[in-house]
Amino acid sequence: MKLLLTSAGIKNPSIHNALVGLLDKPIAESSALCIPTANYAQRRGALNAWRFISGQEPETPMCELGWKSLGVLELTALPSIDKELWVPMVRETDVLLVNGGDPLYLCYWMRQSGLTDLLPELESKTVYVGLSAGSMVMTPNIGEDFVGWEPPTGGDRTLGLVDFAIFPHLDNPDLPYNTLTHAERWAAGMSVPAYAIDDQTAIQVVDGIVEVVSEGHWKRLKS
């Protein structure tokens, strides 16, 4: 599985080109499943989930890119249905589009649904595209600053499928806390290297090789 971990979706030509390169074919010839689950643990979550699914969120473009086919994979529904109804669909799709919201809530449902167990089995052609929380969930932990919804086990641990942490939305004017100063303070408490990335930046991971794709600014905070 190939990863494209973004702060705010496919925001610019460089990130768009990186996605097409990972797909190795045009978006118009590619199938996608979108995962809105992280939204539900935040205010206005249902509205934001709908905007994501319907491609009506221009600030974080993902679903509106012109996919050959687009479906919804709702993680909270999966434990109650037979795996035969959804696992083949995940295995066959080209891209998983994982929305932002609350990273710990997303992590909980990725585990509860069985999707986490399935990820290592996905073919190398599968591309995972994360947006904010959808990117952070792949890291070992998110840091106390980003804890909102609390899992039953507590803590800030996430999936740990990459060996670095992510501080998204760097210098976003709507998020005054997300400055480089705060990012550096956050990174000092992390046990792994960390990247602070703005909304014009993504991190690509293929076969363990990490590459930053950006038309904005970013900083590797800890080594």
C-alpha atoms as a PDB file:
ATOM      1  CA  MET A   1       0.000   0.000   0.000  1.00  0.00           C
ATOM      2  CA  LYS A   2       1.192   3.486  -0.909  1.00  0.00           C
ATOM      3  CA  LEU A   3       0.492   6.495   1.313  1.00  0.00           C
ATOM      4  CA  LEU A   4      -0.188  10.130   0.477  1.00  0.00           C
ATOM      5  CA  LEU A   5      -0.636  11.921   3.789  1.00  0.00           C
ATOM      6  CA  THR A   6      -1.983  15.432   3.297  1.00  0.00           C
ATOM      7  CA  SER A   7      -2.930  18.294   5.566  1.00  0.00           C
ATOM      8  CA  ALA A   8      -5.879  19.463   3.465  1.00  0.00           C
ATOM      9  CA  GLY A   9      -6.383  17.128   0.536  1.00  0.00           C
ATOM     10  CA  ILE A  10      -5.300  17.464  -3.077  1.00  0.00           C
ATOM     11  CA  LYS A  11      -4.724  21.206  -2.878  1.00  0.00           C
ATOM     12  CA  ASN A  12      -2.306  21.925  -5.707  1.00  0.00           C
ATOM     13  CA  PRO A  13      -0.819  20.525  -8.938  1.00  0.00           C
ATOM     14  CA  SER A  14       2.204  19.009  -7.181  1.00  0.00           C
ATOM     15  CA  ILE A  15       0.074  16.924  -4.808  1.00  0.00           C
ATOM     16  CA  HIS A  16      -2.289  16.082  -7.669  1.00  0.00           C
ATOM     17  CA  ASN A  17       0.634  14.862  -9.778  1.00  0.00           C
ATOM     18  CA  ALA A  18       1.947  12.814  -6.856  1.00  0.00           C
ATOM     19  CA  LEU A  19      -1.437  11.108  -6.550  1.00  0.00           C
ATOM     20  CA  VAL A  20      -1.571  10.314 -10.266  1.00  0.00           C
ATOM     21  CA  GLY A  21       1.971   8.972 -10.067  1.00  0.00           C
ATOM     22  CA  LEU A  22       1.046   6.660  -7.200  1.00  0.00           C
ATOM     23  CA  LEU A  23      -2.025   5.456  -9.086  1.00  0.00           C
ATOM     24  CA  ASP A  24      -0.005   4.945 -12.274  1.00  0.00           C
ATOM     25  CA  LYS A  25      -3.127   5.846 -14.238  1.00  0.00           C
ATOM     26  CA  PRO A  26      -5.482   8.822 -14.576  1.00  0.00           C
ATOM     27  CA  ILE A  27      -7.928   9.638 -11.791  1.00  0.00           C
ATOM     28  CA  ALA A  28     -10.744   9.276 -14.321  1.00  0.00           C
ATOM     29  CA  GLU A  29      -9.797   5.604 -14.666  1.00  0.00           C
ATOM     30  CA  SER A  30      -9.496   4.958 -10.915  1.00  0.00           C
ATOM     31  CA  SER A  31     -11.972   3.744  -8.297  1.00  0.00           C
ATOM     32  CA  ALA A  32     -12.168   5.265  -4.830  1.00  0.00           C
ATOM     33  CA  LEU A  33     -13.821   4.651  -1.481  1.00  0.00           C
ATOM     34  CA  CYS A  34     -14.218   7.601   0.858  1.00  0.00           C
ATOM     35  CA  ILE A  35     -14.176   7.206   4.634  1.00  0.00           C
ATOM     36  CA  PRO A  36     -15.955  10.053   6.494  1.00  0.00           C
ATOM     37  CA  THR A  37     -15.936   8.453   9.970  1.00  0.00           C
ATOM     38  CA  ALA A  38     -13.471  10.815  11.685  1.00  0.00           C
ATOM     39  CA  ASN A  39     -15.953  13.671  11.294  1.00  0.00           C
ATOM     40  CA  TYR A  40     -18.546  12.299  13.688  1.00  0.00           C
ATOM     41  CA  ALA A  41     -16.606  13.010  16.890  1.00  0.00           C
ATOM     42  CA  GLN A  42     -16.547  16.748  16.205  1.00  0.00           C
ATOM     43  CA  ARG A  43     -19.119  19.535  16.144  1.00  0.00           C
ATOM     44  CA  ARG A  44     -21.166  19.653  12.933  1.00  0.00           C
ATOM     45  CA  GLY A  45     -19.714  16.267  12.105  1.00  0.00           C
ATOM     46  CA  ALA A  46     -22.688  15.003  10.114  1.00  0.00           C
ATOM     47  CA  LEU A  47     -22.729  18.147   7.974  1.00  0.00           C
ATOM     48  CA  ASN A  48     -18.989  17.986   7.366  1.00  0.00           C
ATOM     49  CA  ALA A  49     -19.220  14.307   6.475  1.00  0.00           C
ATOM     50  CA  TRP A  50     -21.853  15.090   3.857  1.00  0.00           C
ATOM     51  CA  ARG A  51     -19.788  17.928   2.399  1.00  0.00           C
ATOM     52  CA  PHE A  52     -16.809  15.578   2.130  1.00  0.00           C
ATOM     53  CA  ILE A  53     -18.756  12.728   0.533  1.00  0.00           C
ATOM     54  CA  SER A  54     -20.593  14.966  -1.912  1.00  0.00           C
ATOM     55  CA  GLY A  55     -17.474  16.828  -3.014  1.00  0.00           C
ATOM     56  CA  GLN A  56     -18.740  20.162  -1.713  1.00  0.00           C
ATOM     57  CA  GLU A  57     -15.696  21.057   0.360  1.00  0.00           C
ATOM     58  CA  PRO A  58     -13.394  23.110  -1.902  1.00  0.00           C
ATOM     59  CA  GLU A  59     -10.958  23.833   0.937  1.00  0.00           C
ATOM     60  CA  THR A  60     -10.097  20.126   1.196  1.00  0.00           C
ATOM     61  CA  PRO A  61     -10.573  18.564  -2.258  1.00  0.00           C
ATOM     62  CA  MET A  62     -10.732  14.758  -2.295  1.00  0.00           C
ATOM     63  CA  CYS A  63     -13.999  13.293  -3.558  1.00  0.00           C
ATOM     64  CA  GLU A  64     -14.596  15.872  -6.294  1.00  0.00           C
ATOM     65  CA  LEU A  65     -11.531  14.990  -8.390  1.00  0.00           C
ATOM     66  CA  GLY A  66     -13.403  13.077 -11.080  1.00  0.00           C
ATOM     67  CA  TRP A  67     -13.057   9.438 -10.020  1.00  0.00           C
ATOM     68  CA  LYS A  68     -14.287   6.668 -12.310  1.00  0.00           C
ATOM     69  CA  SER A  69     -16.332   5.406  -9.364  1.00  0.00           C
ATOM     70  CA  LEU A  70     -16.750   6.628  -5.802  1.00  0.00           C
ATOM     71  CA  GLY A  71     -18.281   4.785  -2.857  1.00  0.00           C
ATOM     72  CA  VAL A  72     -18.640   5.364   0.883  1.00  0.00           C
ATOM     73  CA  LEU A  73     -16.993   3.052   3.412  1.00  0.00           C
ATOM     74  CA  GLU A  74     -18.606   3.864   6.763  1.00  0.00           C
ATOM     75  CA  LEU A  75     -16.442   2.219   9.413  1.00  0.00           C
ATOM     76  CA  THR A  76     -19.042   2.344  12.188  1.00  0.00           C
ATOM     77  CA  ALA A  77     -21.334   0.104  10.108  1.00  0.00           C
ATOM     78  CA  LEU A  78     -18.796  -2.590   9.271  1.00  0.00           C
ATOM     79  CA  PRO A  79     -18.812  -4.615  12.548  1.00  0.00           C
ATOM     80  CA  SER A  80     -22.522  -5.324  12.072  1.00  0.00           C
ATOM     81  CA  ILE A  81     -22.309  -6.763   8.542  1.00  0.00           C
ATOM     82  CA  ASP A  82     -20.592  -9.785   7.019  1.00  0.00           C
ATOM     83  CA  LYS A  83     -17.037  -9.177   5.854  1.00  0.00           C
ATOM     84  CA  GLU A  84     -17.943 -10.669   2.493  1.00  0.00           C
ATOM     85  CA  LEU A  85     -20.037  -7.565   1.879  1.00  0.00           C
ATOM     86  CA  TRP A  86     -17.187  -5.068   2.174  1.00  0.00           C
ATOM     87  CA  VAL A  87     -13.724  -6.683   2.244  1.00  0.00           C
ATOM     88  CA  PRO A  88     -13.686  -7.581  -1.487  1.00  0.00           C
ATOM     89  CA  MET A  89     -14.710  -4.013  -2.317  1.00  0.00           C
ATOM     90  CA  VAL A  90     -11.788  -2.603  -0.321  1.00  0.00           C
ATOM     91  CA  ARG A  91      -9.348  -5.025  -1.919  1.00  0.00           C
ATOM     92  CA  GLU A  92     -10.509  -4.088  -5.408  1.00  0.00           C
ATOM     93  CA  THR A  93     -10.522  -0.305  -5.043  1.00  0.00           C
ATOM     94  CA  ASP A  94      -7.629   1.829  -6.217  1.00  0.00           C
ATOM     95  CA  VAL A  95      -7.799   4.527  -3.543  1.00  0.00           C
ATOM     96  CA  LEU A  96      -8.985   4.997   0.031  1.00  0.00           C
ATOM     97  CA  LEU A  97      -9.849   8.654   0.723  1.00  0.00           C
ATOM     98  CA  VAL A  98      -9.786   9.141   4.494  1.00  0.00           C
ATOM     99  CA  ASN A  99     -11.267  12.378   5.767  1.00  0.00           C
ATOM    100  CA  GLY A 100     -10.210  14.572   8.647  1.00  0.00           C
ATOM    101  CA  GLY A 101     -11.905  15.014  11.996  1.00  0.00           C
ATOM    102  CA  ASP A 102     -10.818  13.325  15.211  1.00  0.00           C
ATOM    103  CA  PRO A 103      -7.787  11.044  14.745  1.00  0.00           C
ATOM    104  CA  LEU A 104      -8.384   8.913  17.855  1.00  0.00           C
ATOM    105  CA  TYR A 105     -12.025   8.313  16.956  1.00  0.00           C
ATOM    106  CA  LEU A 106     -10.919   7.329  13.462  1.00  0.00           C
ATOM    107  CA  CYS A 107      -8.241   5.027  14.878  1.00  0.00           C
ATOM    108  CA  TYR A 108     -10.766   3.360  17.184  1.00  0.00           C
ATOM    109  CA  TRP A 109     -13.140   2.583  14.338  1.00  0.00           C
ATOM    110  CA  MET A 110     -10.412   1.502  11.954  1.00  0.00           C
ATOM    111  CA  ARG A 111      -9.527  -1.137  14.547  1.00  0.00           C
ATOM    112  CA  GLN A 112     -13.091  -2.027  15.542  1.00  0.00           C
ATOM    113  CA  SER A 113     -14.193  -2.393  11.937  1.00  0.00           C
ATOM    114  CA  GLY A 114     -11.349  -4.698  10.955  1.00  0.00           C
ATOM    115  CA  LEU A 115      -9.959  -2.272   8.381  1.00  0.00           C
ATOM    116  CA  THR A 116      -6.642  -2.001  10.223  1.00  0.00           C
ATOM    117  CA  ASP A 117      -6.134  -5.770   9.984  1.00  0.00           C
ATOM    118  CA  LEU A 118      -6.881  -5.623   6.269  1.00  0.00           C
ATOM    119  CA  LEU A 119      -4.425  -2.847   5.389  1.00  0.00           C
ATOM    120  CA  PRO A 120      -1.270  -5.043   5.304  1.00  0.00           C
ATOM    121  CA  GLU A 121      -3.030  -7.389   2.883  1.00  0.00           C
ATOM    122  CA  LEU A 122      -3.867  -4.717   0.327  1.00  0.00           C
ATOM    123  CA  GLU A 123      -2.025  -4.868  -2.961  1.00  0.00           C
ATOM    124  CA  SER A 124       0.869  -2.538  -3.631  1.00  0.00           C
ATOM    125  CA  LYS A 125      -1.359  -0.750  -6.137  1.00  0.00           C
ATOM    126  CA  THR A 126      -3.692   0.515  -3.401  1.00  0.00           C
ATOM    127  CA  VAL A 127      -3.220   4.174  -2.498  1.00  0.00           C
ATOM    128  CA  TYR A 128      -4.226   5.515   0.917  1.00  0.00           C
ATOM    129  CA  VAL A 129      -4.877   9.263   0.853  1.00  0.00           C
ATOM    130  CA  GLY A 130      -5.254  10.859   4.271  1.00  0.00           C
ATOM    131  CA  LEU A 131      -6.531  14.326   5.094  1.00  0.00           C
ATOM    132  CA  SER A 132      -5.483  15.820   8.445  1.00  0.00           C
ATOM    133  CA  ALA A 133      -6.759  13.225  10.975  1.00  0.00           C
ATOM    134  CA  GLY A 134      -6.783  10.712   8.128  1.00  0.00           C
ATOM    135  CA  SER A 135      -3.036  11.271   7.886  1.00  0.00           C
ATOM    136  CA  MET A 136      -2.314  11.519  11.609  1.00  0.00           C
ATOM    137  CA  VAL A 137      -3.962   8.144  12.268  1.00  0.00           C
ATOM    138  CA  MET A 138      -1.115   6.401  10.432  1.00  0.00           C
ATOM    139  CA  THR A 139       1.495   7.737  12.879  1.00  0.00           C
ATOM    140  CA  PRO A 140       2.533   6.126  16.209  1.00  0.00           C
ATOM    141  CA  ASN A 141       0.786   8.778  18.313  1.00  0.00           C
ATOM    142  CA  ILE A 142      -0.636  12.278  17.976  1.00  0.00           C
ATOM    143  CA  GLY A 143       0.481  14.025  21.164  1.00  0.00           C
ATOM    144  CA  GLU A 144      -1.711  15.329  23.980  1.00  0.00           C
ATOM    145  CA  ASP A 145      -2.320  18.632  22.171  1.00  0.00           C
ATOM    146  CA  PHE A 146      -4.477  16.853  19.599  1.00  0.00           C
ATOM    147  CA  VAL A 147      -6.500  14.645  21.953  1.00  0.00           C
ATOM    148  CA  GLY A 148     -10.214  15.417  21.711  1.00  0.00           C
ATOM    149  CA  TRP A 149     -12.369  12.298  21.757  1.00  0.00           C
ATOM    150  CA  GLU A 150     -10.862   9.829  24.225  1.00  0.00           C
ATOM    151  CA  PRO A 151     -10.787   6.098  23.455  1.00  0.00           C
ATOM    152  CA  PRO A 152     -11.832   3.595  26.140  1.00  0.00           C
ATOM    153  CA  THR A 153      -8.180   2.713  26.711  1.00  0.00           C
ATOM    154  CA  GLY A 154      -7.125   6.356  27.011  1.00  0.00           C
ATOM    155  CA  GLY A 155      -3.865   7.702  25.652  1.00  0.00           C
ATOM    156  CA  ASP A 156      -2.953   9.182  22.284  1.00  0.00           C
ATOM    157  CA  ARG A 157      -1.729   6.081  20.444  1.00  0.00           C
ATOM    158  CA  THR A 158      -2.622   5.640  16.804  1.00  0.00           C
ATOM    159  CA  LEU A 159      -1.823   2.950  14.222  1.00  0.00           C
ATOM    160  CA  GLY A 160       1.947   3.367  13.905  1.00  0.00           C
ATOM    161  CA  LEU A 161       2.130   2.399  10.228  1.00  0.00           C
ATOM    162  CA  VAL A 162       4.728   5.123   9.676  1.00  0.00           C
ATOM    163  CA  ASP A 163       7.587   6.051  11.992  1.00  0.00           C
ATOM    164  CA  PHE A 164       7.008   9.786  12.225  1.00  0.00           C
ATOM    165  CA  ALA A 165       4.398  12.171  13.631  1.00  0.00           C
ATOM    166  CA  ILE A 166       2.425  14.872  11.798  1.00  0.00           C
ATOM    167  CA  PHE A 167       1.416  18.385  12.868  1.00  0.00           C
ATOM    168  CA  PRO A 168      -1.089  19.477  10.163  1.00  0.00           C
ATOM    169  CA  HIS A 169      -2.496  22.866   9.115  1.00  0.00           C
ATOM    170  CA  LEU A 170       0.694  24.767   9.923  1.00  0.00           C
ATOM    171  CA  ASP A 171       0.007  28.537   9.967  1.00  0.00           C
ATOM    172  CA  ASN A 172      -3.617  28.097   8.920  1.00  0.00           C
ATOM    173  CA  PRO A 173      -5.251  31.487   9.616  1.00  0.00           C
ATOM    174  CA  ASP A 174      -8.370  29.782  10.971  1.00  0.00           C
ATOM    175  CA  LEU A 175      -6.295  27.843  13.505  1.00  0.00           C
ATOM    176  CA  PRO A 176      -4.252  30.419  15.449  1.00  0.00           C
ATOM    177  CA  TYR A 177      -2.740  27.711  17.664  1.00  0.00           C
ATOM    178  CA  ASN A 178      -1.083  25.990  14.703  1.00  0.00           C
ATOM    179  CA  THR A 179       2.078  28.080  14.582  1.00  0.00           C
ATOM    180  CA  LEU A 180       5.609  26.824  14.156  1.00  0.00           C
ATOM    181  CA  THR A 181       6.329  27.766  17.769  1.00  0.00           C
ATOM    182  CA  HIS A 182       3.534  25.518  18.989  1.00  0.00           C
ATOM    183  CA  ALA A 183       4.572  22.796  16.564  1.00  0.00           C
ATOM    184  CA  GLU A 184       8.110  22.826  17.940  1.00  0.00           C
ATOM    185  CA  ARG A 185       6.797  22.649  21.504  1.00  0.00           C
ATOM    186  CA  TRP A 186       4.543  19.722  20.515  1.00  0.00           C
ATOM    187  CA  ALA A 187       7.398  17.931  18.744  1.00  0.00           C
ATOM    188  CA  ALA A 188       9.591  18.160  21.835  1.00  0.00           C
ATOM    189  CA  GLY A 189       7.202  15.785  23.574  1.00  0.00           C
ATOM    190  CA  MET A 190       7.068  13.226  20.776  1.00  0.00           C
ATOM    191  CA  SER A 191       9.157  10.053  20.721  1.00  0.00           C
ATOM    192  CA  VAL A 192       9.584   9.972  16.927  1.00  0.00           C
ATOM    193  CA  PRO A 193      10.644  12.460  14.248  1.00  0.00           C
ATOM    194  CA  ALA A 194       7.888  14.907  13.369  1.00  0.00           C
ATOM    195  CA  TYR A 195       6.790  16.967  10.402  1.00  0.00           C
ATOM    196  CA  ALA A 196       4.882  20.234  10.580  1.00  0.00           C
ATOM    197  CA  ILE A 197       3.075  20.679   7.259  1.00  0.00           C
ATOM    198  CA  ASP A 198       0.854  23.406   5.900  1.00  0.00           C
ATOM    199  CA  ASP A 199      -2.232  22.897   3.766  1.00  0.00           C
ATOM    200  CA  GLN A 200      -0.197  22.975   0.536  1.00  0.00           C
ATOM    201  CA  THR A 201       1.959  20.039   1.642  1.00  0.00           C
ATOM    202  CA  ALA A 202       1.733  16.247   1.660  1.00  0.00           C
ATOM    203  CA  ILE A 203       4.013  13.394   2.721  1.00  0.00           C
ATOM    204  CA  GLN A 204       4.367  10.472   0.330  1.00  0.00           C
ATOM    205  CA  VAL A 205       5.484   7.080   1.638  1.00  0.00           C
ATOM    206  CA  VAL A 206       6.271   4.217  -0.735  1.00  0.00           C
ATOM    207  CA  ASP A 207       8.158   1.110   0.391  1.00  0.00           C
ATOM    208  CA  GLY A 208       9.313   2.973   3.485  1.00  0.00           C
ATOM    209  CA  ILE A 209      10.765   5.887   1.500  1.00  0.00           C
ATOM    210  CA  VAL A 210       9.452   9.246   2.703  1.00  0.00           C
ATOM    211  CA  GLU A 211       9.168  12.203   0.331  1.00  0.00           C
ATOM    212  CA  VAL A 212       7.647  15.606   1.033  1.00  0.00           C
ATOM    213  CA  VAL A 213       5.522  17.085  -1.770  1.00  0.00           C
ATOM    214  CA  SER A 214       4.863  20.777  -1.286  1.00  0.00           C
ATOM    215  CA  GLU A 215       3.970  24.103  -2.840  1.00  0.00           C
ATOM    216  CA  GLY A 216       3.844  25.665   0.604  1.00  0.00           C
ATOM    217  CA  HIS A 217       6.034  25.317   3.662  1.00  0.00           C
ATOM    218  CA  TRP A 218       6.885  22.582   6.086  1.00  0.00           C
ATOM    219  CA  LYS A 219       9.565  21.653   8.584  1.00  0.00           C
ATOM    220  CA  ARG A 220      11.032  18.433   9.916  1.00  0.00           C
ATOM    221  CA  LEU A 221      11.073  19.163  13.601  1.00  0.00           C
ATOM    222  CA  LYS A 222      12.939  16.301  15.199  1.00  0.00           C
ATOM    223  CA  SER A 223      15.458  13.655  14.082  1.00  0.00           C
END
